[in-house]
């Protein structure tokens, strides 16, 4: 019998004050790996359009999820 793994807890990270630059990307890129090791996942809230575009450009958009309108996605 196989048991489904429990869903990880979510950490919502408000990034509204972050400048869309290399330093922010470096810090954000490290978050999901560390969080996953501890059983968490990261969701971004209040990400600027420029930061979202930068995440898309470097291929991190699927790893660092941002909800519609820059708000963290809600889980049900």
N, C-alpha and C. Protein backbone atom coordinates (compact mmCIF):
# COMPACT_ATOMS: atom_id res chain seq x y z
N UNK A 1 0.84 -1.16 0.00
CA UNK A 1 0.00 0.00 0.00
C UNK A 1 0.90 1.24 0.00
N UNK A 2 0.56 2.16 -0.86
CA UNK A 2 1.36 3.38 -0.95
C UNK A 2 0.61 4.53 -0.30
N UNK A 3 1.36 5.30 0.44
CA UNK A 3 0.75 6.47 1.10
C UNK A 3 1.20 7.72 0.38
N UNK A 4 0.26 8.61 0.17
CA UNK A 4 0.59 9.88 -0.49
C UNK A 4 1.37 10.75 0.49
N UNK A 5 2.38 11.40 -0.02
CA UNK A 5 3.16 12.31 0.82
C UNK A 5 2.31 13.53 1.16
N UNK A 6 2.44 14.02 2.38
CA UNK A 6 1.66 15.22 2.74
C UNK A 6 2.11 16.42 1.92
N UNK A 7 1.18 17.31 1.64
CA UNK A 7 1.51 18.52 0.88
C UNK A 7 2.40 19.41 1.74
N UNK A 8 3.39 20.00 1.12
CA UNK A 8 4.27 20.88 1.90
C UNK A 8 3.55 22.15 2.34
N UNK A 9 4.02 22.70 3.41
CA UNK A 9 3.51 23.99 3.87
C UNK A 9 4.04 25.08 2.95
N UNK A 10 3.33 26.17 2.87
CA UNK A 10 3.70 27.25 1.98
C UNK A 10 4.19 28.46 2.77
N UNK A 11 5.29 29.01 2.31
CA UNK A 11 5.81 30.26 2.85
C UNK A 11 5.53 31.33 1.80
N UNK A 12 4.78 32.36 2.20
CA UNK A 12 4.49 33.46 1.28
C UNK A 12 5.53 34.55 1.54
N UNK A 13 6.23 34.91 0.49
CA UNK A 13 7.31 35.89 0.58
C UNK A 13 6.89 37.17 -0.14
N UNK A 14 6.72 38.23 0.62
CA UNK A 14 6.35 39.52 0.05
C UNK A 14 7.60 40.16 -0.56
N UNK A 15 7.62 40.29 -1.87
CA UNK A 15 8.79 40.82 -2.58
C UNK A 15 8.52 42.19 -3.18
N UNK A 16 7.51 42.86 -2.69
CA UNK A 16 7.12 44.16 -3.23
C UNK A 16 8.21 45.21 -3.17
N UNK A 17 9.08 45.12 -2.18
CA UNK A 17 10.14 46.12 -2.02
C UNK A 17 11.44 45.73 -2.72
N UNK A 18 11.48 44.54 -3.33
CA UNK A 18 12.71 44.10 -3.99
C UNK A 18 12.89 44.78 -5.34
N UNK A 19 14.11 45.22 -5.58
CA UNK A 19 14.47 45.73 -6.90
C UNK A 19 14.69 44.53 -7.82
N UNK A 20 14.25 44.60 -9.06
CA UNK A 20 14.44 43.48 -9.99
C UNK A 20 15.88 43.48 -10.51
N UNK A 21 16.81 42.96 -9.70
CA UNK A 21 18.21 42.95 -10.09
C UNK A 21 18.86 41.61 -9.78
N UNK A 22 20.15 41.50 -10.08
CA UNK A 22 20.88 40.25 -9.91
C UNK A 22 20.92 39.82 -8.45
N UNK A 23 21.08 40.76 -7.54
CA UNK A 23 21.14 40.42 -6.11
C UNK A 23 19.82 39.79 -5.65
N UNK A 24 18.71 40.36 -6.09
CA UNK A 24 17.39 39.81 -5.72
C UNK A 24 17.22 38.42 -6.32
N UNK A 25 17.60 38.26 -7.59
CA UNK A 25 17.50 36.96 -8.24
C UNK A 25 18.32 35.91 -7.52
N UNK A 26 19.53 36.27 -7.13
CA UNK A 26 20.40 35.34 -6.43
C UNK A 26 19.76 34.88 -5.13
N UNK A 27 19.24 35.82 -4.37
CA UNK A 27 18.60 35.47 -3.10
C UNK A 27 17.34 34.63 -3.33
N UNK A 28 16.52 35.03 -4.30
CA UNK A 28 15.28 34.30 -4.56
C UNK A 28 15.54 32.91 -5.11
N UNK A 29 16.59 32.75 -5.91
CA UNK A 29 16.89 31.45 -6.50
C UNK A 29 17.30 30.43 -5.44
N UNK A 30 17.86 30.88 -4.34
CA UNK A 30 18.29 29.98 -3.26
C UNK A 30 17.13 29.55 -2.35
N UNK A 31 16.11 30.35 -2.29
CA UNK A 31 15.00 30.07 -1.37
C UNK A 31 14.30 28.72 -1.60
N UNK A 32 13.90 28.38 -2.82
CA UNK A 32 13.12 27.15 -2.99
C UNK A 32 13.87 25.88 -2.58
N UNK A 33 15.16 25.82 -2.86
CA UNK A 33 15.93 24.63 -2.51
C UNK A 33 16.00 24.47 -1.00
N UNK A 34 16.32 25.54 -0.30
CA UNK A 34 16.39 25.47 1.16
C UNK A 34 15.01 25.16 1.75
N UNK A 35 13.99 25.79 1.22
CA UNK A 35 12.63 25.57 1.72
C UNK A 35 12.20 24.12 1.49
N UNK A 36 12.47 23.59 0.30
CA UNK A 36 12.08 22.22 -0.02
C UNK A 36 12.75 21.22 0.91
N UNK A 37 14.00 21.47 1.24
CA UNK A 37 14.72 20.57 2.17
C UNK A 37 14.03 20.50 3.52
N UNK A 38 13.35 21.56 3.89
CA UNK A 38 12.66 21.62 5.18
C UNK A 38 11.17 21.32 5.08
N UNK A 39 10.71 20.95 3.88
CA UNK A 39 9.31 20.58 3.69
C UNK A 39 8.38 21.73 3.39
N UNK A 40 8.92 22.83 2.89
CA UNK A 40 8.11 24.00 2.56
C UNK A 40 8.21 24.32 1.08
N UNK A 41 7.30 25.13 0.61
CA UNK A 41 7.39 25.68 -0.73
C UNK A 41 7.24 27.19 -0.63
N UNK A 42 7.77 27.89 -1.62
CA UNK A 42 7.78 29.35 -1.62
C UNK A 42 6.78 29.87 -2.64
N UNK A 43 6.03 30.87 -2.26
CA UNK A 43 5.14 31.62 -3.16
C UNK A 43 5.49 33.09 -3.00
N UNK A 44 5.52 33.81 -4.09
CA UNK A 44 5.85 35.23 -4.05
C UNK A 44 4.58 36.07 -4.10
N UNK A 45 4.59 37.15 -3.34
CA UNK A 45 3.47 38.08 -3.32
C UNK A 45 3.99 39.48 -3.62
N UNK A 46 3.19 40.26 -4.32
CA UNK A 46 3.49 41.66 -4.66
C UNK A 46 4.75 41.81 -5.51
N UNK A 47 5.00 40.84 -6.38
CA UNK A 47 6.14 40.94 -7.29
C UNK A 47 5.83 41.96 -8.38
N UNK A 48 6.76 42.87 -8.62
CA UNK A 48 6.57 43.87 -9.67
C UNK A 48 6.57 43.17 -11.03
N UNK A 49 6.04 43.85 -12.01
CA UNK A 49 6.03 43.31 -13.37
C UNK A 49 7.46 43.07 -13.84
N UNK A 50 8.36 44.00 -13.50
CA UNK A 50 9.76 43.84 -13.90
C UNK A 50 10.39 42.61 -13.26
N UNK A 51 10.10 42.36 -12.00
CA UNK A 51 10.65 41.17 -11.34
C UNK A 51 10.06 39.91 -11.95
N UNK A 52 8.76 39.92 -12.24
CA UNK A 52 8.14 38.76 -12.88
C UNK A 52 8.75 38.51 -14.25
N UNK A 53 8.99 39.58 -15.01
CA UNK A 53 9.63 39.43 -16.33
C UNK A 53 11.03 38.86 -16.20
N UNK A 54 11.76 39.30 -15.19
CA UNK A 54 13.12 38.80 -14.96
C UNK A 54 13.09 37.32 -14.57
N UNK A 55 12.14 36.93 -13.73
CA UNK A 55 11.99 35.52 -13.37
C UNK A 55 11.69 34.68 -14.60
N UNK A 56 10.84 35.19 -15.49
CA UNK A 56 10.55 34.49 -16.75
C UNK A 56 11.81 34.36 -17.59
N UNK A 57 12.55 35.44 -17.71
CA UNK A 57 13.75 35.49 -18.56
C UNK A 57 14.79 34.47 -18.13
N UNK A 58 15.00 34.32 -16.83
CA UNK A 58 16.03 33.39 -16.34
C UNK A 58 15.49 31.99 -16.06
N UNK A 59 14.20 31.78 -16.30
CA UNK A 59 13.63 30.44 -16.16
C UNK A 59 13.26 30.05 -14.74
N UNK A 60 13.05 31.02 -13.87
CA UNK A 60 12.70 30.72 -12.48
C UNK A 60 11.21 30.86 -12.19
N UNK A 61 10.42 31.21 -13.17
CA UNK A 61 8.99 31.47 -12.93
C UNK A 61 8.26 30.22 -12.45
N UNK A 62 8.64 29.04 -12.92
CA UNK A 62 7.98 27.82 -12.48
C UNK A 62 8.44 27.39 -11.10
N UNK A 63 9.62 27.81 -10.70
CA UNK A 63 10.16 27.46 -9.39
C UNK A 63 9.66 28.43 -8.33
N UNK A 64 9.63 29.70 -8.67
CA UNK A 64 9.17 30.75 -7.77
C UNK A 64 7.83 31.25 -8.29
N UNK A 65 6.78 30.65 -7.84
CA UNK A 65 5.45 30.96 -8.36
C UNK A 65 4.92 32.27 -7.80
N UNK A 66 4.31 33.02 -8.70
CA UNK A 66 3.67 34.28 -8.35
C UNK A 66 2.22 34.17 -8.76
N UNK A 67 1.32 34.52 -7.88
CA UNK A 67 -0.10 34.47 -8.20
C UNK A 67 -0.50 35.58 -9.15
N UNK A 68 -1.73 35.50 -9.63
CA UNK A 68 -2.26 36.52 -10.54
C UNK A 68 -2.18 37.89 -9.89
N UNK A 69 -1.81 38.87 -10.65
CA UNK A 69 -1.71 40.23 -10.14
C UNK A 69 -0.57 40.42 -9.16
N UNK A 70 0.40 39.48 -9.18
CA UNK A 70 1.53 39.59 -8.28
C UNK A 70 1.23 39.09 -6.88
N UNK A 71 0.02 38.58 -6.65
CA UNK A 71 -0.35 38.07 -5.34
C UNK A 71 -0.03 36.57 -5.27
N UNK A 72 0.34 36.10 -4.11
CA UNK A 72 0.61 34.68 -3.94
C UNK A 72 -0.65 33.89 -4.24
N UNK A 73 -0.46 32.73 -4.89
CA UNK A 73 -1.59 31.88 -5.19
C UNK A 73 -2.15 31.33 -3.90
N UNK A 74 -3.48 31.21 -3.81
CA UNK A 74 -4.10 30.66 -2.62
C UNK A 74 -4.29 29.17 -2.80
N UNK A 75 -4.05 28.43 -1.76
CA UNK A 75 -4.23 26.99 -1.76
C UNK A 75 -5.55 26.63 -1.14
N UNK A 76 -6.20 25.64 -1.70
CA UNK A 76 -7.46 25.18 -1.11
C UNK A 76 -7.29 23.80 -0.58
